[in-house]
Protein backbone atom coordinates (compact mmCIF):
# COMPACT_ATOMS: atom_id res chain seq x y z
CA MET A 1 20.15 -1.16 -1.61
CA SER A 2 16.80 -2.96 -1.97
CA THR A 3 15.96 -4.45 -5.57
CA LEU A 4 12.61 -2.46 -5.46
CA LYS A 5 14.43 0.89 -4.66
CA ASP A 6 16.76 -0.05 -7.40
CA ARG A 7 14.01 -0.78 -9.86
CA LEU A 8 12.19 2.54 -8.71
CA THR A 9 15.50 4.45 -9.55
CA ALA A 10 16.24 2.99 -12.81
CA ASP A 11 12.59 3.54 -13.91
CA MET A 12 12.46 7.19 -12.75
CA ARG A 13 15.94 7.63 -14.84
CA ALA A 14 14.22 6.03 -17.84
CA ALA A 15 11.23 8.23 -17.64
CA LEU A 16 13.34 11.01 -17.20
CA LYS A 17 15.18 10.46 -20.49
CA ALA A 18 11.70 9.75 -22.04
CA ARG A 19 10.52 12.99 -20.84
CA ASP A 20 7.53 11.49 -19.24
CA GLU A 21 7.01 14.07 -16.57
CA LEU A 22 3.97 12.28 -14.65
CA THR A 23 6.06 9.15 -14.14
CA THR A 24 9.04 10.93 -13.34
CA SER A 25 7.64 13.28 -10.68
CA THR A 26 5.55 10.28 -9.20
CA LEU A 27 8.75 8.23 -8.68
CA ARG A 28 10.65 11.00 -7.45
CA MET A 29 8.03 11.38 -4.90
CA ALA A 30 8.17 7.66 -3.92
CA LEU A 31 11.94 7.80 -3.69
CA ALA A 32 11.54 10.85 -1.53
CA ALA A 33 9.13 9.04 0.79
CA VAL A 34 11.52 5.88 0.83
CA GLY A 35 14.47 8.43 1.71
CA THR A 36 12.43 10.12 4.49
CA ALA A 37 11.56 6.76 6.06
CA GLU A 38 15.23 5.69 5.72
CA VAL A 39 16.37 8.66 7.94
CA ALA A 40 13.53 8.40 10.54
CA GLY A 41 14.64 7.20 13.82
CA LYS A 42 17.96 7.73 15.43
CA ALA A 43 20.06 6.55 12.67
CA LYS A 44 19.99 6.22 9.02
CA ARG A 45 19.46 2.76 7.67
CA GLU A 46 18.70 0.90 4.39
CA LEU A 47 14.97 -0.38 4.27
CA SER A 48 14.24 -3.83 3.56
CA GLU A 49 12.12 -4.76 0.66
CA ASP A 50 8.95 -5.16 2.69
CA GLU A 51 9.57 -1.76 4.33
CA VAL A 52 10.06 -0.17 0.91
CA LEU A 53 6.76 -1.94 -0.33
CA ALA A 54 5.10 -0.58 2.83
CA VAL A 55 6.01 3.01 2.08
CA LEU A 56 4.82 2.61 -1.76
CA THR A 57 1.50 1.28 -0.30
CA LYS A 58 1.10 4.01 1.86
CA GLU A 59 1.80 6.57 -0.89
CA ALA A 60 -0.75 4.81 -3.24
CA LYS A 61 -3.37 4.90 -0.57
CA LYS A 62 -2.80 8.64 -0.21
CA ARG A 63 -3.17 9.11 -3.80
CA ARG A 64 -6.53 7.42 -3.75
CA GLU A 65 -7.82 9.35 -1.07
CA ALA A 66 -6.64 12.57 -2.41
CA ALA A 67 -8.35 11.88 -5.82
CA THR A 68 -11.68 11.21 -3.91
CA ALA A 69 -11.33 14.32 -1.91
CA PHE A 70 -10.48 16.42 -5.31
CA ALA A 71 -13.38 14.56 -7.15
CA ASP A 72 -16.02 15.26 -4.25
CA ALA A 73 -14.70 19.12 -4.32
CA GLY A 74 -15.25 19.19 -8.20
CA ARG A 75 -11.67 19.61 -9.10
CA THR A 76 -11.77 16.81 -11.75
CA GLU A 77 -8.45 17.88 -13.13
CA GLN A 78 -6.52 17.67 -9.87
CA ALA A 79 -8.36 14.33 -9.27
CA ALA A 80 -7.33 12.72 -12.53
CA LYS A 81 -3.74 13.80 -11.89
CA GLU A 82 -3.96 12.00 -8.41
CA THR A 83 -5.56 8.91 -10.07
CA ALA A 84 -2.77 8.74 -12.73
CA GLU A 85 -0.02 9.02 -9.98
CA GLY A 86 -1.86 6.33 -8.23
CA GLU A 87 -1.80 4.14 -11.31
CA VAL A 88 2.07 4.70 -11.68
CA LEU A 89 2.46 3.50 -8.23
CA GLU A 90 0.23 0.46 -8.49
CA ARG A 91 2.94 -0.96 -10.95
CA TYR A 92 5.29 -1.49 -8.09
CA LEU A 93 2.84 -3.18 -5.72
CA PRO A 94 1.97 -6.70 -5.46
CA GLN A 95 -1.64 -7.75 -7.05
CA GLN A 96 -4.41 -7.16 -4.58
CA LEU A 97 -6.47 -10.06 -3.42
CA SER A 98 -10.05 -10.61 -4.83
CA ASP A 99 -12.83 -10.45 -2.26
CA ALA A 100 -13.15 -14.33 -2.36
CA GLU A 101 -9.45 -14.79 -1.76
CA LEU A 102 -9.43 -12.34 1.13
CA THR A 103 -12.33 -14.03 2.56
CA GLU A 104 -10.50 -17.42 2.46
CA LEU A 105 -7.15 -16.18 3.77
CA VAL A 106 -9.10 -14.26 6.69
CA ALA A 107 -11.10 -17.47 7.49
CA GLY A 108 -7.84 -19.76 7.65
CA ALA A 109 -6.01 -17.14 9.84
CA LEU A 110 -9.04 -17.03 12.15
CA ALA A 111 -9.38 -20.77 12.35
CA ALA A 112 -5.70 -21.39 13.03
CA GLY A 113 -5.76 -18.80 15.81
CA GLY A 114 -8.95 -19.97 17.27
CA PHE A 115 -10.30 -16.35 17.44
CA THR A 116 -14.21 -16.11 18.00
CA GLY A 117 -15.22 -13.10 19.70
CA LYS A 118 -14.95 -9.05 19.95
CA ALA A 119 -12.15 -9.25 22.64
CA GLN A 120 -10.00 -10.98 20.42
CA MET A 121 -10.20 -8.54 17.61
CA GLY A 122 -6.77 -7.23 17.93
CA PRO A 123 -4.98 -10.63 17.81
CA ALA A 124 -7.37 -11.64 15.02
CA MET A 125 -6.31 -8.65 13.03
CA LYS A 126 -2.49 -9.32 13.37
CA ALA A 127 -3.01 -12.75 12.24
CA ALA A 128 -5.18 -11.95 9.28
CA GLN A 129 -2.60 -9.17 8.25
CA ALA A 130 0.14 -11.61 8.39
CA ALA A 131 -1.70 -13.97 6.23
CA VAL A 132 -2.56 -11.38 3.79
CA ALA A 133 1.02 -10.00 3.82
CA GLY A 134 0.24 -6.67 2.12
CA ARG A 135 -1.89 -7.90 -0.80
CA ALA A 136 -5.10 -6.07 0.65
CA GLU A 137 -5.55 -2.75 2.35
CA GLY A 138 -6.08 -2.87 6.17
CA GLY A 139 -9.44 -1.43 5.93
CA ARG A 140 -10.59 -4.29 3.68
CA VAL A 141 -8.95 -6.63 6.28
CA ALA A 142 -10.55 -5.28 9.20
CA THR A 143 -13.95 -5.08 7.46
CA GLU A 144 -13.53 -9.02 6.78
CA VAL A 145 -12.38 -10.02 10.16
CA ARG A 146 -15.22 -8.07 11.73
CA ARG A 147 -17.82 -9.68 9.30
CA GLN A 148 -16.37 -13.27 10.26
CA LEU A 149 -16.27 -12.51 13.99
CA GLY A 150 -19.71 -11.64 13.83
CA LEU A 151 -19.24 -8.00 14.98
């Protein structure tokens, strides 16, 4: 079992004992998403640490998007709940890169690969994502790659 999954399980049990409903429900949802990812495909398998992290990142992004949608619709109470769930999930994600750090990592990845034009956007994104290693959202990385490639 991965250590991040163990930590999620232990923290959920502690929140359950402390009667912290928000944390309990959020971590249950996260563990359910991890479990779903484990059984996706032809055979059940144990997820690696990076795969569990990817599932948590995806769930946190869902919470941010839902909070924005609820806020735009005027449902502030539901938006606040989604934001709070997102904050619980953020505890388990790596620290996000600042804009300056992201610019520096993308520039290094583009220079190392010799990427220059629009036709190389795909390979450039792959190299940039590898350099960033999940510490920034794909949209932010794509925007920075486009900016540095002059697109």
